Amino acid sequence: MLQWKTKIQRKAIFAQVHNTVGLVDYLPVHSMVEIGVARGNGALAFLQANPDMHYLGIDVDECLAAQSKLQQFPHAKLLIADSRTLDELPGGLVDLVRVDGGKSATYSDMQLGWKHLRIGGLLLVHDYINKRVKYVRAQCNRWLTENHQTCAYYDIESEGTRLHIVVCKSK
């Protein structure tokens, strides 16, 4: 289980969320799922920060650029699937879930990721506020309203015009 040592450490972690890769420097992230891989730049950054991490990327497209980037990491896998059609994910529970897939699927991607997240793990949602995809915020807010009893806390961090929402699982 991921643990927060101090309030200062938690602040430092959230200060790094705009560069979500910074999380692996602060937390023992041994496994993660990323819903929405695209070109694989996020995946590559996370895996370069922790090459031994077990990584599962899910994307509806073939992501040839991502596949070539992930080949060098023995614990990295790419699942070509529409996340909205998945009830389960291969493997067990994970430390970190990053949602950055099809914006209209944010709610269902949060549900899927949360189901596979360890207690104390983090759920990151990209584009919480992005003028081009306004409905992501509404889906996140709906999800938080329905699931707040299982959240230790959540925080919102800025990356220019985009914000990320970070949720810690408590139950």
C-alpha atoms as a PDB file:
ATOM      1  CA  MET A   1       0.000   0.000   0.000  1.00  0.00           C
ATOM      2  CA  LEU A   2       1.225   3.477  -0.809  1.00  0.00           C
ATOM      3  CA  GLN A   3       1.749   5.580   2.276  1.00  0.00           C
ATOM      4  CA  TRP A   4       2.088   9.302   2.804  1.00  0.00           C
ATOM      5  CA  LYS A   5       4.872   9.991   5.293  1.00  0.00           C
ATOM      6  CA  THR A   6       4.137  13.633   6.017  1.00  0.00           C
ATOM      7  CA  LYS A   7       1.870  16.458   5.007  1.00  0.00           C
ATOM      8  CA  ILE A   8       4.911  18.089   3.415  1.00  0.00           C
ATOM      9  CA  GLN A   9       5.526  14.993   1.304  1.00  0.00           C
ATOM     10  CA  ARG A  10       1.894  15.045   0.161  1.00  0.00           C
ATOM     11  CA  LYS A  11       2.238  18.707  -0.857  1.00  0.00           C
ATOM     12  CA  ALA A  12       5.438  17.888  -2.732  1.00  0.00           C
ATOM     13  CA  ILE A  13       3.676  15.061  -4.549  1.00  0.00           C
ATOM     14  CA  PHE A  14       0.814  17.277  -5.637  1.00  0.00           C
ATOM     15  CA  ALA A  15       3.270  19.955  -6.689  1.00  0.00           C
ATOM     16  CA  GLN A  16       4.612  17.353  -9.134  1.00  0.00           C
ATOM     17  CA  VAL A  17       1.271  16.276 -10.579  1.00  0.00           C
ATOM     18  CA  HIS A  18       1.570  18.600 -13.571  1.00  0.00           C
ATOM     19  CA  ASN A  19       4.575  16.417 -14.337  1.00  0.00           C
ATOM     20  CA  THR A  20       2.863  13.199 -13.244  1.00  0.00           C
ATOM     21  CA  VAL A  21       6.054  11.247 -13.779  1.00  0.00           C
ATOM     22  CA  GLY A  22       7.336  12.988 -10.620  1.00  0.00           C
ATOM     23  CA  LEU A  23       5.000  10.728  -8.656  1.00  0.00           C
ATOM     24  CA  VAL A  24       7.288   7.739  -9.087  1.00  0.00           C
ATOM     25  CA  ASP A  25      10.067   9.739  -7.422  1.00  0.00           C
ATOM     26  CA  TYR A  26       7.923  10.250  -4.315  1.00  0.00           C
ATOM     27  CA  LEU A  27       5.881   7.068  -4.105  1.00  0.00           C
ATOM     28  CA  PRO A  28       6.682   3.379  -4.455  1.00  0.00           C
ATOM     29  CA  VAL A  29       4.790   2.919  -7.730  1.00  0.00           C
ATOM     30  CA  HIS A  30       5.414  -0.676  -8.739  1.00  0.00           C
ATOM     31  CA  SER A  31       2.462  -1.053 -11.076  1.00  0.00           C
ATOM     32  CA  MET A  32       0.218   1.183 -13.113  1.00  0.00           C
ATOM     33  CA  VAL A  33      -2.537   1.211 -15.691  1.00  0.00           C
ATOM     34  CA  GLU A  34      -2.833   4.002 -18.223  1.00  0.00           C
ATOM     35  CA  ILE A  35      -6.126   4.304 -20.066  1.00  0.00           C
ATOM     36  CA  GLY A  36      -5.366   6.256 -23.209  1.00  0.00           C
ATOM     37  CA  VAL A  37      -1.821   5.730 -24.448  1.00  0.00           C
ATOM     38  CA  ALA A  38      -1.782   7.578 -27.800  1.00  0.00           C
ATOM     39  CA  ARG A  39       1.866   8.033 -28.889  1.00  0.00           C
ATOM     40  CA  GLY A  40       3.176   6.546 -25.645  1.00  0.00           C
ATOM     41  CA  ASN A  41       5.024   9.616 -24.398  1.00  0.00           C
ATOM     42  CA  GLY A  42       3.486   9.386 -20.929  1.00  0.00           C
ATOM     43  CA  ALA A  43       4.156   5.664 -20.758  1.00  0.00           C
ATOM     44  CA  LEU A  44       7.757   6.147 -21.788  1.00  0.00           C
ATOM     45  CA  ALA A  45       8.319   8.848 -19.185  1.00  0.00           C
ATOM     46  CA  PHE A  46       6.846   6.725 -16.374  1.00  0.00           C
ATOM     47  CA  LEU A  47       8.821   3.658 -17.421  1.00  0.00           C
ATOM     48  CA  GLN A  48      12.089   5.557 -17.786  1.00  0.00           C
ATOM     49  CA  ALA A  49      11.581   6.832 -14.231  1.00  0.00           C
ATOM     50  CA  ASN A  50      10.956   3.264 -13.021  1.00  0.00           C
ATOM     51  CA  PRO A  51      12.046   0.646 -15.613  1.00  0.00           C
ATOM     52  CA  ASP A  52      10.976  -2.262 -13.365  1.00  0.00           C
ATOM     53  CA  MET A  53       7.412  -1.015 -13.005  1.00  0.00           C
ATOM     54  CA  HIS A  54       4.636  -3.262 -14.286  1.00  0.00           C
ATOM     55  CA  TYR A  55       2.781  -1.149 -16.826  1.00  0.00           C
ATOM     56  CA  LEU A  56      -0.436  -1.856 -18.703  1.00  0.00           C
ATOM     57  CA  GLY A  57      -1.515   0.642 -21.332  1.00  0.00           C
ATOM     58  CA  ILE A  58      -5.001   0.469 -22.811  1.00  0.00           C
ATOM     59  CA  ASP A  59      -5.979   2.191 -26.024  1.00  0.00           C
ATOM     60  CA  VAL A  60      -8.581   1.675 -28.696  1.00  0.00           C
ATOM     61  CA  ASP A  61      -6.013   2.328 -31.425  1.00  0.00           C
ATOM     62  CA  GLU A  62      -3.020   0.230 -32.390  1.00  0.00           C
ATOM     63  CA  CYS A  63      -0.563   2.895 -31.131  1.00  0.00           C
ATOM     64  CA  LEU A  64       2.386   1.803 -33.250  1.00  0.00           C
ATOM     65  CA  ALA A  65       4.571   4.616 -31.910  1.00  0.00           C
ATOM     66  CA  ALA A  66       3.772   3.561 -28.343  1.00  0.00           C
ATOM     67  CA  GLN A  67       4.456  -0.100 -29.101  1.00  0.00           C
ATOM     68  CA  SER A  68       7.949   0.663 -30.336  1.00  0.00           C
ATOM     69  CA  LYS A  69       8.671   2.792 -27.242  1.00  0.00           C
ATOM     70  CA  LEU A  70       7.429   0.103 -24.851  1.00  0.00           C
ATOM     71  CA  GLN A  71       9.435  -2.778 -26.390  1.00  0.00           C
ATOM     72  CA  GLN A  72      12.498  -1.992 -24.296  1.00  0.00           C
ATOM     73  CA  PHE A  73      10.607  -2.555 -21.019  1.00  0.00           C
ATOM     74  CA  PRO A  74       9.998  -6.215 -20.123  1.00  0.00           C
ATOM     75  CA  HIS A  75       7.059  -5.481 -17.776  1.00  0.00           C
ATOM     76  CA  ALA A  76       5.192  -3.172 -20.158  1.00  0.00           C
ATOM     77  CA  LYS A  77       2.153  -4.392 -22.043  1.00  0.00           C
ATOM     78  CA  LEU A  78      -0.280  -2.709 -24.385  1.00  0.00           C
ATOM     79  CA  LEU A  79      -3.888  -3.876 -24.608  1.00  0.00           C
ATOM     80  CA  ILE A  80      -5.711  -2.793 -27.752  1.00  0.00           C
ATOM     81  CA  ALA A  81      -9.308  -2.470 -26.598  1.00  0.00           C
ATOM     82  CA  ASP A  82     -12.110  -0.007 -26.010  1.00  0.00           C
ATOM     83  CA  SER A  83     -11.964   0.534 -22.253  1.00  0.00           C
ATOM     84  CA  ARG A  84     -15.750   0.990 -22.144  1.00  0.00           C
ATOM     85  CA  THR A  85     -16.171  -2.681 -23.093  1.00  0.00           C
ATOM     86  CA  LEU A  86     -13.885  -4.019 -20.345  1.00  0.00           C
ATOM     87  CA  ASP A  87     -15.177  -5.350 -17.024  1.00  0.00           C
ATOM     88  CA  GLU A  88     -11.821  -6.638 -15.829  1.00  0.00           C
ATOM     89  CA  LEU A  89      -8.168  -5.954 -16.517  1.00  0.00           C
ATOM     90  CA  PRO A  90      -5.395  -8.536 -16.750  1.00  0.00           C
ATOM     91  CA  GLY A  91      -3.198  -8.692 -13.661  1.00  0.00           C
ATOM     92  CA  GLY A  92      -3.992  -7.701 -10.124  1.00  0.00           C
ATOM     93  CA  LEU A  93      -4.442  -4.438  -8.294  1.00  0.00           C
ATOM     94  CA  VAL A  94      -2.170  -1.521  -9.182  1.00  0.00           C
ATOM     95  CA  ASP A  95      -0.625   1.472  -7.384  1.00  0.00           C
ATOM     96  CA  LEU A  96      -1.457   4.109  -9.972  1.00  0.00           C
ATOM     97  CA  VAL A  97      -4.134   4.571 -12.627  1.00  0.00           C
ATOM     98  CA  ARG A  98      -3.898   7.410 -15.140  1.00  0.00           C
ATOM     99  CA  VAL A  99      -7.009   8.224 -17.164  1.00  0.00           C
ATOM    100  CA  ASP A 100      -6.330  10.126 -20.373  1.00  0.00           C
ATOM    101  CA  GLY A 101      -8.388   8.262 -22.933  1.00  0.00           C
ATOM    102  CA  GLY A 102     -11.448   9.192 -24.937  1.00  0.00           C
ATOM    103  CA  LYS A 103     -12.867  12.157 -23.078  1.00  0.00           C
ATOM    104  CA  SER A 104     -16.455  10.967 -23.430  1.00  0.00           C
ATOM    105  CA  ALA A 105     -15.412   7.783 -21.578  1.00  0.00           C
ATOM    106  CA  THR A 106     -13.882   9.514 -18.549  1.00  0.00           C
ATOM    107  CA  TYR A 107     -16.556   8.337 -16.098  1.00  0.00           C
ATOM    108  CA  SER A 108     -16.395   4.685 -17.176  1.00  0.00           C
ATOM    109  CA  ASP A 109     -12.585   4.820 -17.285  1.00  0.00           C
ATOM    110  CA  MET A 110     -12.551   6.142 -13.702  1.00  0.00           C
ATOM    111  CA  GLN A 111     -14.873   3.290 -12.662  1.00  0.00           C
ATOM    112  CA  LEU A 112     -12.678   0.684 -14.345  1.00  0.00           C
ATOM    113  CA  GLY A 113      -9.461   2.133 -12.936  1.00  0.00           C
ATOM    114  CA  TRP A 114     -10.841   2.485  -9.403  1.00  0.00           C
ATOM    115  CA  LYS A 115     -11.907  -1.155  -9.385  1.00  0.00           C
ATOM    116  CA  HIS A 116      -8.294  -2.192 -10.049  1.00  0.00           C
ATOM    117  CA  LEU A 117      -6.587   0.276  -7.702  1.00  0.00           C
ATOM    118  CA  ARG A 118      -5.014  -0.779  -4.406  1.00  0.00           C
ATOM    119  CA  ILE A 119      -6.061   0.880  -1.149  1.00  0.00           C
ATOM    120  CA  GLY A 120      -3.824   3.948  -0.886  1.00  0.00           C
ATOM    121  CA  GLY A 121      -3.304   4.017  -4.632  1.00  0.00           C
ATOM    122  CA  LEU A 122      -3.790   7.083  -6.782  1.00  0.00           C
ATOM    123  CA  LEU A 123      -6.169   7.756  -9.626  1.00  0.00           C
ATOM    124  CA  LEU A 124      -5.078  10.591 -11.917  1.00  0.00           C
ATOM    125  CA  VAL A 125      -7.452  12.087 -14.456  1.00  0.00           C
ATOM    126  CA  HIS A 126      -6.001  14.338 -17.123  1.00  0.00           C
ATOM    127  CA  ASP A 127      -7.830  17.351 -18.558  1.00  0.00           C
ATOM    128  CA  TYR A 128     -10.122  17.969 -15.567  1.00  0.00           C
ATOM    129  CA  ILE A 129     -10.436  21.510 -16.838  1.00  0.00           C
ATOM    130  CA  ASN A 130      -9.636  21.919 -20.482  1.00  0.00           C
ATOM    131  CA  LYS A 131     -11.596  24.360 -22.599  1.00  0.00           C
ATOM    132  CA  ARG A 132     -11.638  21.912 -25.501  1.00  0.00           C
ATOM    133  CA  VAL A 133     -13.145  19.029 -23.494  1.00  0.00           C
ATOM    134  CA  LYS A 134     -15.450  20.617 -20.920  1.00  0.00           C
ATOM    135  CA  TYR A 135     -17.418  17.439 -20.215  1.00  0.00           C
ATOM    136  CA  VAL A 136     -14.438  15.735 -18.502  1.00  0.00           C
ATOM    137  CA  ARG A 137     -14.988  17.933 -15.448  1.00  0.00           C
ATOM    138  CA  ALA A 138     -18.687  17.052 -15.278  1.00  0.00           C
ATOM    139  CA  GLN A 139     -17.908  13.336 -15.498  1.00  0.00           C
ATOM    140  CA  CYS A 140     -15.243  13.606 -12.775  1.00  0.00           C
ATOM    141  CA  ASN A 141     -17.585  15.526 -10.503  1.00  0.00           C
ATOM    142  CA  ARG A 142     -20.324  12.954 -11.004  1.00  0.00           C
ATOM    143  CA  TRP A 143     -17.882  10.155 -10.224  1.00  0.00           C
ATOM    144  CA  LEU A 144     -16.602  11.922  -7.083  1.00  0.00           C
ATOM    145  CA  THR A 145     -20.154  12.523  -5.858  1.00  0.00           C
ATOM    146  CA  GLU A 146     -20.986   8.842  -6.248  1.00  0.00           C
ATOM    147  CA  ASN A 147     -17.689   7.480  -4.875  1.00  0.00           C
ATOM    148  CA  HIS A 148     -16.573  10.003  -2.252  1.00  0.00           C
ATOM    149  CA  GLN A 149     -17.003   7.487   0.583  1.00  0.00           C
ATOM    150  CA  THR A 150     -14.095   5.422  -0.782  1.00  0.00           C
ATOM    151  CA  CYS A 151     -11.766   8.394  -1.301  1.00  0.00           C
ATOM    152  CA  ALA A 152      -9.190   9.413   1.291  1.00  0.00           C
ATOM    153  CA  TYR A 153      -9.004  12.815  -0.405  1.00  0.00           C
ATOM    154  CA  TYR A 154      -8.766  14.405  -3.764  1.00  0.00           C
ATOM    155  CA  ASP A 155      -6.886  17.388  -5.069  1.00  0.00           C
ATOM    156  CA  ILE A 156      -6.806  19.375  -8.284  1.00  0.00           C
ATOM    157  CA  GLU A 157      -3.543  20.536  -9.799  1.00  0.00           C
ATOM    158  CA  SER A 158      -2.815  22.949 -12.614  1.00  0.00           C
ATOM    159  CA  GLU A 159      -0.863  22.513 -15.835  1.00  0.00           C
ATOM    160  CA  GLY A 160      -1.504  25.803 -17.552  1.00  0.00           C
ATOM    161  CA  THR A 161      -4.981  25.583 -19.043  1.00  0.00           C
ATOM    162  CA  ARG A 162      -5.380  21.939 -18.046  1.00  0.00           C
ATOM    163  CA  LEU A 163      -5.983  20.586 -14.584  1.00  0.00           C
ATOM    164  CA  HIS A 164      -5.568  17.085 -13.258  1.00  0.00           C
ATOM    165  CA  ILE A 165      -7.647  15.533 -10.543  1.00  0.00           C
ATOM    166  CA  VAL A 166      -5.888  13.201  -8.136  1.00  0.00           C
ATOM    167  CA  VAL A 167      -7.860  10.812  -5.936  1.00  0.00           C
ATOM    168  CA  CYS A 168      -6.475   8.539  -3.206  1.00  0.00           C
ATOM    169  CA  LYS A 169      -8.363   5.296  -2.506  1.00  0.00           C
ATOM    170  CA  SER A 170      -9.233   4.602   1.122  1.00  0.00           C
ATOM    171  CA  LYS A 171     -11.653   1.642   0.971  1.00  0.00           C
END
